Amino acid sequence: MNISDKIEKIRLEPEHIRLRYVWGAVSISMFFIVIIWIFSMSSLFQNKDKGLDEKTQQDLNGVAEKIKTIKKDLPSIGDINNGQSETNTTNGNVGTQERAPLPYQPASESETPQAENYKDLQAQ
């Protein structure tokens, strides 16, 4: 029997029969996935005792060096904050930092969702 003939035969079956085929296929697939997962976990635990090989260790050391270089080159968040904000002494608290308020920009009608439906409410 050809696979396409079997698929056509299954398509002609009632829905509860097709669901049996679906759950059977899911069960078989999950069985193989779980078996592969179990074997991979067992090999993971066996390799844990052996430690990392040289290439992996070199790769990890290279990544650690790159991270250190990036951290050194990037400014800290405190430096960024101090460069953008100004010290405000008018409110009585010396040394407090405030940011300038952002100007309000209302959305245009094309950007407002359902703007056409609310035109009558805005006119009142």
PDB file of N, CA and C in Angstrom:
ATOM      1  N   MET A   1       0.844  -1.179   0.000  1.00  0.00           N
ATOM      2  CA  MET A   1       0.000   0.000   0.000  1.00  0.00           C
ATOM      3  C   MET A   1       0.887   1.239   0.000  1.00  0.00           C
ATOM      4  N   ASN A   2       0.598   2.171  -0.849  1.00  0.00           N
ATOM      5  CA  ASN A   2       1.334   3.409  -0.981  1.00  0.00           C
ATOM      6  C   ASN A   2       0.966   4.355   0.164  1.00  0.00           C
ATOM      7  N   ILE A   3       1.904   5.223   0.572  1.00  0.00           N
ATOM      8  CA  ILE A   3       1.655   6.139   1.685  1.00  0.00           C
ATOM      9  C   ILE A   3       0.574   7.151   1.337  1.00  0.00           C
ATOM     10  N   SER A   4       0.535   7.603   0.083  1.00  0.00           N
ATOM     11  CA  SER A   4      -0.503   8.568  -0.316  1.00  0.00           C
ATOM     12  C   SER A   4      -1.890   7.919  -0.293  1.00  0.00           C
ATOM     13  N   ASP A   5      -1.968   6.616  -0.628  1.00  0.00           N
ATOM     14  CA  ASP A   5      -3.251   5.910  -0.543  1.00  0.00           C
ATOM     15  C   ASP A   5      -3.701   5.787   0.907  1.00  0.00           C
ATOM     16  N   LYS A   6      -2.764   5.526   1.796  1.00  0.00           N
ATOM     17  CA  LYS A   6      -3.088   5.411   3.230  1.00  0.00           C
ATOM     18  C   LYS A   6      -3.568   6.754   3.774  1.00  0.00           C
ATOM     19  N   ILE A   7      -2.941   7.845   3.357  1.00  0.00           N
ATOM     20  CA  ILE A   7      -3.358   9.182   3.798  1.00  0.00           C
ATOM     21  C   ILE A   7      -4.769   9.482   3.300  1.00  0.00           C
ATOM     22  N   GLU A   8      -5.065   9.155   2.070  1.00  0.00           N
ATOM     23  CA  GLU A   8      -6.411   9.373   1.524  1.00  0.00           C
ATOM     24  C   GLU A   8      -7.444   8.542   2.277  1.00  0.00           C
ATOM     25  N   LYS A   9      -7.077   7.309   2.630  1.00  0.00           N
ATOM     26  CA  LYS A   9      -7.986   6.446   3.383  1.00  0.00           C
ATOM     27  C   LYS A   9      -8.269   7.051   4.757  1.00  0.00           C
ATOM     28  N   ILE A  10      -7.226   7.600   5.403  1.00  0.00           N
ATOM     29  CA  ILE A  10      -7.399   8.214   6.729  1.00  0.00           C
ATOM     30  C   ILE A  10      -8.260   9.467   6.615  1.00  0.00           C
ATOM     31  N   ARG A  11      -8.112  10.231   5.552  1.00  0.00           N
ATOM     32  CA  ARG A  11      -8.921  11.442   5.361  1.00  0.00           C
ATOM     33  C   ARG A  11     -10.410  11.126   5.220  1.00  0.00           C
ATOM     34  N   LEU A  12     -10.730   9.962   4.738  1.00  0.00           N
ATOM     35  CA  LEU A  12     -12.131   9.579   4.575  1.00  0.00           C
ATOM     36  C   LEU A  12     -12.760   9.071   5.870  1.00  0.00           C
ATOM     37  N   GLU A  13     -11.954   8.795   6.862  1.00  0.00           N
ATOM     38  CA  GLU A  13     -12.460   8.296   8.142  1.00  0.00           C
ATOM     39  C   GLU A  13     -13.151   9.421   8.911  1.00  0.00           C
ATOM     40  N   PRO A  14     -14.015   9.076   9.875  1.00  0.00           N
ATOM     41  CA  PRO A  14     -14.642  10.103  10.728  1.00  0.00           C
ATOM     42  C   PRO A  14     -13.591  10.802  11.607  1.00  0.00           C
ATOM     43  N   GLU A  15     -13.984  11.931  12.151  1.00  0.00           N
ATOM     44  CA  GLU A  15     -13.020  12.756  12.891  1.00  0.00           C
ATOM     45  C   GLU A  15     -12.450  12.033  14.110  1.00  0.00           C
ATOM     46  N   HIS A  16     -13.276  11.290  14.851  1.00  0.00           N
ATOM     47  CA  HIS A  16     -12.754  10.621  16.049  1.00  0.00           C
ATOM     48  C   HIS A  16     -11.712   9.554  15.685  1.00  0.00           C
ATOM     49  N   ILE A  17     -11.814   8.951  14.533  1.00  0.00           N
ATOM     50  CA  ILE A  17     -10.811   7.982  14.070  1.00  0.00           C
ATOM     51  C   ILE A  17      -9.531   8.717  13.667  1.00  0.00           C
ATOM     52  N   ARG A  18      -9.680   9.866  12.973  1.00  0.00           N
ATOM     53  CA  ARG A  18      -8.503  10.650  12.583  1.00  0.00           C
ATOM     54  C   ARG A  18      -7.766  11.155  13.812  1.00  0.00           C
ATOM     55  N   LEU A  19      -8.502  11.505  14.864  1.00  0.00           N
ATOM     56  CA  LEU A  19      -7.845  11.944  16.105  1.00  0.00           C
ATOM     57  C   LEU A  19      -7.036  10.819  16.739  1.00  0.00           C
ATOM     58  N   ARG A  20      -7.501   9.597  16.610  1.00  0.00           N
ATOM     59  CA  ARG A  20      -6.718   8.451  17.109  1.00  0.00           C
ATOM     60  C   ARG A  20      -5.379   8.354  16.373  1.00  0.00           C
ATOM     61  N   TYR A  21      -5.424   8.542  15.054  1.00  0.00           N
ATOM     62  CA  TYR A  21      -4.182   8.520  14.276  1.00  0.00           C
ATOM     63  C   TYR A  21      -3.244   9.650  14.706  1.00  0.00           C
ATOM     64  N   VAL A  22      -3.821  10.829  14.936  1.00  0.00           N
ATOM     65  CA  VAL A  22      -3.003  11.977  15.336  1.00  0.00           C
ATOM     66  C   VAL A  22      -2.329  11.698  16.676  1.00  0.00           C
ATOM     67  N   TRP A  23      -3.099  11.256  17.667  1.00  0.00           N
ATOM     68  CA  TRP A  23      -2.513  11.018  18.990  1.00  0.00           C
ATOM     69  C   TRP A  23      -1.543   9.840  18.962  1.00  0.00           C
ATOM     70  N   GLY A  24      -1.796   8.875  18.112  1.00  0.00           N
ATOM     71  CA  GLY A  24      -0.842   7.773  17.958  1.00  0.00           C
ATOM     72  C   GLY A  24       0.484   8.276  17.397  1.00  0.00           C
ATOM     73  N   ALA A  25       0.399   9.136  16.377  1.00  0.00           N
ATOM     74  CA  ALA A  25       1.624   9.693  15.778  1.00  0.00           C
ATOM     75  C   ALA A  25       2.356  10.581  16.786  1.00  0.00           C
ATOM     76  N   VAL A  26       1.605  11.357  17.562  1.00  0.00           N
ATOM     77  CA  VAL A  26       2.225  12.203  18.588  1.00  0.00           C
ATOM     78  C   VAL A  26       2.916  11.339  19.634  1.00  0.00           C
ATOM     79  N   SER A  27       2.262  10.283  20.074  1.00  0.00           N
ATOM     80  CA  SER A  27       2.845   9.394  21.085  1.00  0.00           C
ATOM     81  C   SER A  27       4.131   8.748  20.586  1.00  0.00           C
ATOM     82  N   ILE A  28       4.120   8.250  19.370  1.00  0.00           N
ATOM     83  CA  ILE A  28       5.311   7.614  18.811  1.00  0.00           C
ATOM     84  C   ILE A  28       6.444   8.631  18.669  1.00  0.00           C
ATOM     85  N   SER A  29       6.120   9.813  18.192  1.00  0.00           N
ATOM     86  CA  SER A  29       7.142  10.859  18.039  1.00  0.00           C
ATOM     87  C   SER A  29       7.730  11.238  19.388  1.00  0.00           C
ATOM     88  N   MET A  30       6.878  11.441  20.378  1.00  0.00           N
ATOM     89  CA  MET A  30       7.367  11.818  21.708  1.00  0.00           C
ATOM     90  C   MET A  30       8.205  10.698  22.329  1.00  0.00           C
ATOM     91  N   PHE A  31       7.858   9.452  22.062  1.00  0.00           N
ATOM     92  CA  PHE A  31       8.648   8.332  22.567  1.00  0.00           C
ATOM     93  C   PHE A  31      10.086   8.434  22.053  1.00  0.00           C
ATOM     94  N   PHE A  32      10.239   8.683  20.749  1.00  0.00           N
ATOM     95  CA  PHE A  32      11.588   8.799  20.193  1.00  0.00           C
ATOM     96  C   PHE A  32      12.314  10.037  20.720  1.00  0.00           C
ATOM     97  N   ILE A  33      11.604  11.126  20.882  1.00  0.00           N
ATOM     98  CA  ILE A  33      12.231  12.337  21.412  1.00  0.00           C
ATOM     99  C   ILE A  33      12.710  12.123  22.837  1.00  0.00           C
ATOM    100  N   VAL A  34      11.899  11.479  23.667  1.00  0.00           N
ATOM    101  CA  VAL A  34      12.295  11.214  25.054  1.00  0.00           C
ATOM    102  C   VAL A  34      13.487  10.263  25.100  1.00  0.00           C
ATOM    103  N   ILE A  35      13.510   9.250  24.255  1.00  0.00           N
ATOM    104  CA  ILE A  35      14.649   8.324  24.210  1.00  0.00           C
ATOM    105  C   ILE A  35      15.930   9.078  23.846  1.00  0.00           C
ATOM    106  N   ILE A  36      15.863   9.926  22.832  1.00  0.00           N
ATOM    107  CA  ILE A  36      17.045  10.709  22.438  1.00  0.00           C
ATOM    108  C   ILE A  36      17.467  11.625  23.574  1.00  0.00           C
ATOM    109  N   TRP A  37      16.501  12.246  24.254  1.00  0.00           N
ATOM    110  CA  TRP A  37      16.803  13.140  25.370  1.00  0.00           C
ATOM    111  C   TRP A  37      17.483  12.389  26.508  1.00  0.00           C
ATOM    112  N   ILE A  38      17.008  11.197  26.818  1.00  0.00           N
ATOM    113  CA  ILE A  38      17.606  10.393  27.902  1.00  0.00           C
ATOM    114  C   ILE A  38      19.048  10.034  27.560  1.00  0.00           C
ATOM    115  N   PHE A  39      19.285   9.614  26.311  1.00  0.00           N
ATOM    116  CA  PHE A  39      20.658   9.271  25.925  1.00  0.00           C
ATOM    117  C   PHE A  39      21.564  10.498  25.941  1.00  0.00           C
ATOM    118  N   SER A  40      21.064  11.633  25.537  1.00  0.00           N
ATOM    119  CA  SER A  40      21.899  12.839  25.557  1.00  0.00           C
ATOM    120  C   SER A  40      22.188  13.276  26.990  1.00  0.00           C
ATOM    121  N   MET A  41      21.222  13.114  27.886  1.00  0.00           N
ATOM    122  CA  MET A  41      21.461  13.475  29.295  1.00  0.00           C
ATOM    123  C   MET A  41      22.498  12.539  29.919  1.00  0.00           C
ATOM    124  N   SER A  42      22.432  11.260  29.602  1.00  0.00           N
ATOM    125  CA  SER A  42      23.402  10.324  30.173  1.00  0.00           C
ATOM    126  C   SER A  42      24.808  10.622  29.667  1.00  0.00           C
ATOM    127  N   SER A  43      24.923  10.994  28.385  1.00  0.00           N
ATOM    128  CA  SER A  43      26.251  11.334  27.874  1.00  0.00           C
ATOM    129  C   SER A  43      26.735  12.650  28.460  1.00  0.00           C
ATOM    130  N   LEU A  44      25.833  13.562  28.783  1.00  0.00           N
ATOM    131  CA  LEU A  44      26.209  14.825  29.413  1.00  0.00           C
ATOM    132  C   LEU A  44      26.800  14.567  30.794  1.00  0.00           C
ATOM    133  N   PHE A  45      26.175  13.678  31.570  1.00  0.00           N
ATOM    134  CA  PHE A  45      26.678  13.389  32.908  1.00  0.00           C
ATOM    135  C   PHE A  45      27.991  12.602  32.857  1.00  0.00           C
ATOM    136  N   GLN A  46      28.196  11.787  31.839  1.00  0.00           N
ATOM    137  CA  GLN A  46      29.448  11.058  31.714  1.00  0.00           C
ATOM    138  C   GLN A  46      30.586  12.004  31.373  1.00  0.00           C
ATOM    139  N   ASN A  47      30.348  13.017  30.541  1.00  0.00           N
ATOM    140  CA  ASN A  47      31.381  13.969  30.153  1.00  0.00           C
ATOM    141  C   ASN A  47      31.670  14.989  31.235  1.00  0.00           C
ATOM    142  N   LYS A  48      30.803  15.104  32.221  1.00  0.00           N
ATOM    143  CA  LYS A  48      31.006  16.076  33.289  1.00  0.00           C
ATOM    144  C   LYS A  48      32.250  15.736  34.109  1.00  0.00           C
ATOM    145  N   ASP A  49      32.500  14.468  34.308  1.00  0.00           N
ATOM    146  CA  ASP A  49      33.658  14.049  35.088  1.00  0.00           C
ATOM    147  C   ASP A  49      34.970  14.284  34.334  1.00  0.00           C
ATOM    148  N   LYS A  50      34.933  14.280  33.030  1.00  0.00           N
ATOM    149  CA  LYS A  50      36.140  14.431  32.233  1.00  0.00           C
ATOM    150  C   LYS A  50      36.604  15.880  32.163  1.00  0.00           C
ATOM    151  N   GLY A  51      35.735  16.833  32.433  1.00  0.00           N
ATOM    152  CA  GLY A  51      36.090  18.240  32.354  1.00  0.00           C
ATOM    153  C   GLY A  51      35.974  18.747  30.928  1.00  0.00           C
ATOM    154  N   LEU A  52      36.351  19.994  30.737  1.00  0.00           N
ATOM    155  CA  LEU A  52      36.267  20.608  29.418  1.00  0.00           C
ATOM    156  C   LEU A  52      37.503  20.273  28.594  1.00  0.00           C
ATOM    157  N   ASP A  53      37.318  20.082  27.316  1.00  0.00           N
ATOM    158  CA  ASP A  53      38.474  19.850  26.463  1.00  0.00           C
ATOM    159  C   ASP A  53      39.200  21.175  26.217  1.00  0.00           C
ATOM    160  N   GLU A  54      40.380  21.105  25.618  1.00  0.00           N
ATOM    161  CA  GLU A  54      41.229  22.286  25.455  1.00  0.00           C
ATOM    162  C   GLU A  54      40.592  23.339  24.570  1.00  0.00           C
ATOM    163  N   LYS A  55      39.967  22.937  23.470  1.00  0.00           N
ATOM    164  CA  LYS A  55      39.377  23.908  22.551  1.00  0.00           C
ATOM    165  C   LYS A  55      38.238  24.668  23.216  1.00  0.00           C
ATOM    166  N   THR A  56      37.402  23.972  23.957  1.00  0.00           N
ATOM    167  CA  THR A  56      36.306  24.633  24.652  1.00  0.00           C
ATOM    168  C   THR A  56      36.845  25.598  25.688  1.00  0.00           C
ATOM    169  N   GLN A  57      37.867  25.197  26.413  1.00  0.00           N
ATOM    170  CA  GLN A  57      38.458  26.065  27.421  1.00  0.00           C
ATOM    171  C   GLN A  57      39.066  27.314  26.776  1.00  0.00           C
ATOM    172  N   GLN A  58      39.724  27.169  25.633  1.00  0.00           N
ATOM    173  CA  GLN A  58      40.296  28.314  24.931  1.00  0.00           C
ATOM    174  C   GLN A  58      39.189  29.257  24.437  1.00  0.00           C
ATOM    175  N   ASP A  59      38.114  28.671  23.935  1.00  0.00           N
ATOM    176  CA  ASP A  59      36.990  29.492  23.477  1.00  0.00           C
ATOM    177  C   ASP A  59      36.395  30.291  24.634  1.00  0.00           C
ATOM    178  N   LEU A  60      36.228  29.647  25.777  1.00  0.00           N
ATOM    179  CA  LEU A  60      35.669  30.337  26.939  1.00  0.00           C
ATOM    180  C   LEU A  60      36.602  31.445  27.420  1.00  0.00           C
ATOM    181  N   ASN A  61      37.898  31.193  27.403  1.00  0.00           N
ATOM    182  CA  ASN A  61      38.852  32.222  27.804  1.00  0.00           C
ATOM    183  C   ASN A  61      38.815  33.404  26.838  1.00  0.00           C
ATOM    184  N   GLY A  62      38.680  33.126  25.543  1.00  0.00           N
ATOM    185  CA  GLY A  62      38.586  34.192  24.551  1.00  0.00           C
ATOM    186  C   GLY A  62      37.341  35.046  24.743  1.00  0.00           C
ATOM    187  N   VAL A  63      36.214  34.400  25.041  1.00  0.00           N
ATOM    188  CA  VAL A  63      34.972  35.137  25.280  1.00  0.00           C
ATOM    189  C   VAL A  63      35.111  35.986  26.535  1.00  0.00           C
ATOM    190  N   ALA A  64      35.727  35.453  27.582  1.00  0.00           N
ATOM    191  CA  ALA A  64      35.913  36.210  28.822  1.00  0.00           C
ATOM    192  C   ALA A  64      36.788  37.439  28.579  1.00  0.00           C
ATOM    193  N   GLU A  65      37.809  37.308  27.775  1.00  0.00           N
ATOM    194  CA  GLU A  65      38.668  38.452  27.459  1.00  0.00           C
ATOM    195  C   GLU A  65      37.908  39.510  26.670  1.00  0.00           C
ATOM    196  N   LYS A  66      37.083  39.071  25.716  1.00  0.00           N
ATOM    197  CA  LYS A  66      36.292  40.017  24.935  1.00  0.00           C
ATOM    198  C   LYS A  66      35.315  40.775  25.822  1.00  0.00           C
ATOM    199  N   ILE A  67      34.703  40.101  26.774  1.00  0.00           N
ATOM    200  CA  ILE A  67      33.775  40.755  27.696  1.00  0.00           C
ATOM    201  C   ILE A  67      34.505  41.786  28.536  1.00  0.00           C
ATOM    202  N   LYS A  68      35.690  41.458  29.019  1.00  0.00           N
ATOM    203  CA  LYS A  68      36.468  42.413  29.806  1.00  0.00           C
ATOM    204  C   LYS A  68      36.815  43.646  28.979  1.00  0.00           C
ATOM    205  N   THR A  69      37.182  43.444  27.713  1.00  0.00           N
ATOM    206  CA  THR A  69      37.514  44.560  26.827  1.00  0.00           C
ATOM    207  C   THR A  69      36.294  45.447  26.593  1.00  0.00           C
ATOM    208  N   ILE A  70      35.146  44.831  26.371  1.00  0.00           N
ATOM    209  CA  ILE A  70      33.918  45.593  26.133  1.00  0.00           C
ATOM    210  C   ILE A  70      33.548  46.391  27.368  1.00  0.00           C
ATOM    211  N   LYS A  71      33.645  45.788  28.547  1.00  0.00           N
ATOM    212  CA  LYS A  71      33.321  46.495  29.782  1.00  0.00           C
ATOM    213  C   LYS A  71      34.234  47.689  29.988  1.00  0.00           C
ATOM    214  N   LYS A  72      35.505  47.520  29.641  1.00  0.00           N
ATOM    215  CA  LYS A  72      36.465  48.600  29.823  1.00  0.00           C
ATOM    216  C   LYS A  72      36.194  49.743  28.848  1.00  0.00           C
ATOM    217  N   ASP A  73      35.781  49.423  27.610  1.00  0.00           N
ATOM    218  CA  ASP A  73      35.571  50.427  26.585  1.00  0.00           C
ATOM    219  C   ASP A  73      34.258  51.193  26.750  1.00  0.00           C
ATOM    220  N   LEU A  74      33.224  50.564  27.283  1.00  0.00           N
ATOM    221  CA  LEU A  74      31.919  51.202  27.417  1.00  0.00           C
ATOM    222  C   LEU A  74      31.866  52.066  28.671  1.00  0.00           C
ATOM    223  N   PRO A  75      31.238  53.244  28.578  1.00  0.00           N
ATOM    224  CA  PRO A  75      31.082  54.059  29.780  1.00  0.00           C
ATOM    225  C   PRO A  75      30.027  53.444  30.694  1.00  0.00           C
ATOM    226  N   SER A  76      30.111  53.762  31.966  1.00  0.00           N
ATOM    227  CA  SER A  76      29.125  53.225  32.897  1.00  0.00           C
ATOM    228  C   SER A  76      27.841  54.034  32.795  1.00  0.00           C
ATOM    229  N   ILE A  77      26.773  53.512  33.328  1.00  0.00           N
ATOM    230  CA  ILE A  77      25.485  54.202  33.288  1.00  0.00           C
ATOM    231  C   ILE A  77      25.559  55.497  34.088  1.00  0.00           C
ATOM    232  N   GLY A  78      26.292  55.500  35.189  1.00  0.00           N
ATOM    233  CA  GLY A  78      26.450  56.717  35.981  1.00  0.00           C
ATOM    234  C   GLY A  78      27.135  57.814  35.192  1.00  0.00           C
ATOM    235  N   ASP A  79      28.133  57.479  34.400  1.00  0.00           N
ATOM    236  CA  ASP A  79      28.811  58.476  33.569  1.00  0.00           C
ATOM    237  C   ASP A  79      27.859  59.048  32.530  1.00  0.00           C
ATOM    238  N   ILE A  80      27.046  58.215  31.938  1.00  0.00           N
ATOM    239  CA  ILE A  80      26.088  58.679  30.942  1.00  0.00           C
ATOM    240  C   ILE A  80      25.072  59.605  31.597  1.00  0.00           C
ATOM    241  N   ASN A  81      24.572  59.230  32.773  1.00  0.00           N
ATOM    242  CA  ASN A  81      23.576  60.020  33.477  1.00  0.00           C
ATOM    243  C   ASN A  81      24.152  61.378  33.884  1.00  0.00           C
ATOM    244  N   ASN A  82      25.366  61.418  34.382  1.00  0.00           N
ATOM    245  CA  ASN A  82      25.977  62.675  34.798  1.00  0.00           C
ATOM    246  C   ASN A  82      26.241  63.597  33.610  1.00  0.00           C
ATOM    247  N   GLY A  83      26.504  63.059  32.474  1.00  0.00           N
ATOM    248  CA  GLY A  83      26.778  63.880  31.306  1.00  0.00           C
ATOM    249  C   GLY A  83      25.532  64.501  30.705  1.00  0.00           C
ATOM    250  N   GLN A  84      24.350  63.915  30.935  1.00  0.00           N
ATOM    251  CA  GLN A  84      23.141  64.415  30.293  1.00  0.00           C
ATOM    252  C   GLN A  84      22.280  65.267  31.207  1.00  0.00           C
ATOM    253  N   SER A  85      22.359  65.100  32.501  1.00  0.00           N
ATOM    254  CA  SER A  85      21.478  65.849  33.390  1.00  0.00           C
ATOM    255  C   SER A  85      22.243  66.989  34.040  1.00  0.00           C
ATOM    256  N   GLU A  86      21.515  67.981  34.461  1.00  0.00           N
ATOM    257  CA  GLU A  86      22.129  69.140  35.092  1.00  0.00           C
ATOM    258  C   GLU A  86      21.714  69.182  36.550  1.00  0.00           C
ATOM    259  N   THR A  87      22.573  69.758  37.379  1.00  0.00           N
ATOM    260  CA  THR A  87      22.254  69.884  38.790  1.00  0.00           C
ATOM    261  C   THR A  87      21.318  71.061  38.985  1.00  0.00           C
ATOM    262  N   ASN A  88      20.253  70.839  39.752  1.00  0.00           N
ATOM    263  CA  ASN A  88      19.244  71.868  39.971  1.00  0.00           C
ATOM    264  C   ASN A  88      19.267  72.264  41.441  1.00  0.00           C
ATOM    265  N   THR A  89      19.468  73.559  41.720  1.00  0.00           N
ATOM    266  CA  THR A  89      19.500  74.026  43.109  1.00  0.00           C
ATOM    267  C   THR A  89      18.333  74.943  43.413  1.00  0.00           C
ATOM    268  N   THR A  90      17.398  75.126  42.493  1.00  0.00           N
ATOM    269  CA  THR A  90      16.299  76.063  42.713  1.00  0.00           C
ATOM    270  C   THR A  90      15.212  75.499  43.608  1.00  0.00           C
ATOM    271  N   ASN A  91      15.125  74.197  43.772  1.00  0.00           N
ATOM    272  CA  ASN A  91      14.061  73.646  44.589  1.00  0.00           C
ATOM    273  C   ASN A  91      14.460  73.512  46.060  1.00  0.00           C
ATOM    274  N   GLY A  92      15.607  74.023  46.455  1.00  0.00           N
ATOM    275  CA  GLY A  92      16.023  73.978  47.846  1.00  0.00           C
ATOM    276  C   GLY A  92      16.880  72.790  48.195  1.00  0.00           C
ATOM    277  N   ASN A  93      16.912  71.780  47.367  1.00  0.00           N
ATOM    278  CA  ASN A  93      17.741  70.602  47.625  1.00  0.00           C
ATOM    279  C   ASN A  93      18.997  70.723  46.787  1.00  0.00           C
ATOM    280  N   VAL A  94      20.076  71.065  47.429  1.00  0.00           N
ATOM    281  CA  VAL A  94      21.332  71.262  46.706  1.00  0.00           C
ATOM    282  C   VAL A  94      21.826  69.909  46.225  1.00  0.00           C
ATOM    283  N   GLY A  95      22.202  69.872  44.958  1.00  0.00           N
ATOM    284  CA  GLY A  95      22.787  68.653  44.404  1.00  0.00           C
ATOM    285  C   GLY A  95      21.787  67.674  43.850  1.00  0.00           C
ATOM    286  N   THR A  96      20.491  67.955  43.915  1.00  0.00           N
ATOM    287  CA  THR A  96      19.536  67.015  43.333  1.00  0.00           C
ATOM    288  C   THR A  96      19.545  67.170  41.828  1.00  0.00           C
ATOM    289  N   GLN A  97      19.264  66.110  41.151  1.00  0.00           N
ATOM    290  CA  GLN A  97      19.293  66.130  39.698  1.00  0.00           C
ATOM    291  C   GLN A  97      17.894  65.929  39.163  1.00  0.00           C
ATOM    292  N   GLU A  98      17.492  66.804  38.257  1.00  0.00           N
ATOM    293  CA  GLU A  98      16.196  66.682  37.605  1.00  0.00           C
ATOM    294  C   GLU A  98      16.401  66.737  36.099  1.00  0.00           C
ATOM    295  N   ARG A  99      15.557  66.065  35.394  1.00  0.00           N
ATOM    296  CA  ARG A  99      15.607  66.096  33.943  1.00  0.00           C
ATOM    297  C   ARG A  99      14.580  67.100  33.449  1.00  0.00           C
ATOM    298  N   ALA A 100      14.889  67.722  32.348  1.00  0.00           N
ATOM    299  CA  ALA A 100      13.950  68.664  31.752  1.00  0.00           C
ATOM    300  C   ALA A 100      12.733  67.898  31.266  1.00  0.00           C
ATOM    301  N   PRO A 101      11.524  68.460  31.484  1.00  0.00           N
ATOM    302  CA  PRO A 101      10.328  67.738  31.021  1.00  0.00           C
ATOM    303  C   PRO A 101      10.280  67.695  29.501  1.00  0.00           C
ATOM    304  N   LEU A 102       9.760  66.611  28.988  1.00  0.00           N
ATOM    305  CA  LEU A 102       9.620  66.455  27.547  1.00  0.00           C
ATOM    306  C   LEU A 102       8.390  67.214  27.083  1.00  0.00           C
ATOM    307  N   PRO A 103       8.451  67.885  25.948  1.00  0.00           N
ATOM    308  CA  PRO A 103       7.274  68.611  25.470  1.00  0.00           C
ATOM    309  C   PRO A 103       6.184  67.633  25.058  1.00  0.00           C
ATOM    310  N   TYR A 104       4.939  68.020  25.337  1.00  0.00           N
ATOM    311  CA  TYR A 104       3.797  67.175  24.976  1.00  0.00           C
ATOM    312  C   TYR A 104       3.496  67.344  23.498  1.00  0.00           C
ATOM    313  N   GLN A 105       3.394  66.250  22.815  1.00  0.00           N
ATOM    314  CA  GLN A 105       3.065  66.278  21.400  1.00  0.00           C
ATOM    315  C   GLN A 105       1.881  65.355  21.170  1.00  0.00           C
ATOM    316  N   PRO A 106       0.687  65.926  21.014  1.00  0.00           N
ATOM    317  CA  PRO A 106      -0.472  65.053  20.796  1.00  0.00           C
ATOM    318  C   PRO A 106      -0.365  64.340  19.459  1.00  0.00           C
ATOM    319  N   ALA A 107      -0.914  63.167  19.412  1.00  0.00           N
ATOM    320  CA  ALA A 107      -0.876  62.370  18.184  1.00  0.00           C
ATOM    321  C   ALA A 107      -1.826  62.961  17.165  1.00  0.00           C
ATOM    322  N   SER A 108      -1.447  62.862  15.913  1.00  0.00           N
ATOM    323  CA  SER A 108      -2.324  63.333  14.857  1.00  0.00           C
ATOM    324  C   SER A 108      -3.472  62.345  14.685  1.00  0.00           C
ATOM    325  N   GLU A 109      -4.491  62.759  13.945  1.00  0.00           N
ATOM    326  CA  GLU A 109      -5.658  61.898  13.779  1.00  0.00           C
ATOM    327  C   GLU A 109      -5.316  60.604  13.057  1.00  0.00           C
ATOM    328  N   SER A 110      -4.338  60.657  12.181  1.00  0.00           N
ATOM    329  CA  SER A 110      -3.976  59.435  11.459  1.00  0.00           C
ATOM    330  C   SER A 110      -3.260  58.448  12.361  1.00  0.00           C
ATOM    331  N   GLU A 111      -2.633  58.943  13.448  1.00  0.00           N
ATOM    332  CA  GLU A 111      -1.921  58.056  14.368  1.00  0.00           C
ATOM    333  C   GLU A 111      -2.815  57.552  15.488  1.00  0.00           C
ATOM    334  N   THR A 112      -3.968  58.201  15.705  1.00  0.00           N
ATOM    335  CA  THR A 112      -4.859  57.825  16.786  1.00  0.00           C
ATOM    336  C   THR A 112      -5.765  56.696  16.335  1.00  0.00           C
ATOM    337  N   PRO A 113      -5.803  55.595  17.083  1.00  0.00           N
ATOM    338  CA  PRO A 113      -6.692  54.508  16.688  1.00  0.00           C
ATOM    339  C   PRO A 113      -8.147  54.942  16.812  1.00  0.00           C
ATOM    340  N   GLN A 114      -8.936  54.586  15.874  1.00  0.00           N
ATOM    341  CA  GLN A 114     -10.361  54.862  15.854  1.00  0.00           C
ATOM    342  C   GLN A 114     -10.657  56.353  15.925  1.00  0.00           C
ATOM    343  N   ALA A 115      -9.825  57.185  15.320  1.00  0.00           N
ATOM    344  CA  ALA A 115      -9.999  58.628  15.383  1.00  0.00           C
ATOM    345  C   ALA A 115     -11.325  59.055  14.772  1.00  0.00           C
ATOM    346  N   GLU A 116     -11.735  58.403  13.720  1.00  0.00           N
ATOM    347  CA  GLU A 116     -12.987  58.761  13.071  1.00  0.00           C
ATOM    348  C   GLU A 116     -14.174  58.579  14.005  1.00  0.00           C
ATOM    349  N   ASN A 117     -14.147  57.571  14.858  1.00  0.00           N
ATOM    350  CA  ASN A 117     -15.268  57.291  15.747  1.00  0.00           C
ATOM    351  C   ASN A 117     -15.382  58.309  16.875  1.00  0.00           C
ATOM    352  N   TYR A 118     -14.303  58.998  17.224  1.00  0.00           N
ATOM    353  CA  TYR A 118     -14.311  59.900  18.362  1.00  0.00           C
ATOM    354  C   TYR A 118     -14.345  61.380  17.972  1.00  0.00           C
ATOM    355  N   LYS A 119     -14.477  61.701  16.691  1.00  0.00           N
ATOM    356  CA  LYS A 119     -14.528  63.095  16.267  1.00  0.00           C
ATOM    357  C   LYS A 119     -15.731  63.817  16.888  1.00  0.00           C
ATOM    358  N   ASP A 120     -16.865  63.120  16.996  1.00  0.00           N
ATOM    359  CA  ASP A 120     -18.056  63.739  17.577  1.00  0.00           C
ATOM    360  C   ASP A 120     -17.842  64.072  19.046  1.00  0.00           C
ATOM    361  N   LEU A 121     -17.143  63.250  19.775  1.00  0.00           N
ATOM    362  CA  LEU A 121     -16.895  63.485  21.202  1.00  0.00           C
ATOM    363  C   LEU A 121     -15.938  64.650  21.401  1.00  0.00           C
ATOM    364  N   GLN A 122     -14.956  64.818  20.526  1.00  0.00           N
ATOM    365  CA  GLN A 122     -13.988  65.888  20.666  1.00  0.00           C
ATOM    366  C   GLN A 122     -14.629  67.231  20.368  1.00  0.00           C
ATOM    367  N   ALA A 123     -15.624  67.290  19.518  1.00  0.00           N
ATOM    368  CA  ALA A 123     -16.276  68.538  19.162  1.00  0.00           C
ATOM    369  C   ALA A 123     -17.142  69.060  20.294  1.00  0.00           C
ATOM    370  N   GLN A 124     -17.632  68.207  21.153  1.00  0.00           N
ATOM    371  CA  GLN A 124     -18.533  68.614  22.231  1.00  0.00           C
ATOM    372  C   GLN A 124     -17.786  69.197  23.329  1.00  0.00           C
TER     373      GLN A 124
END
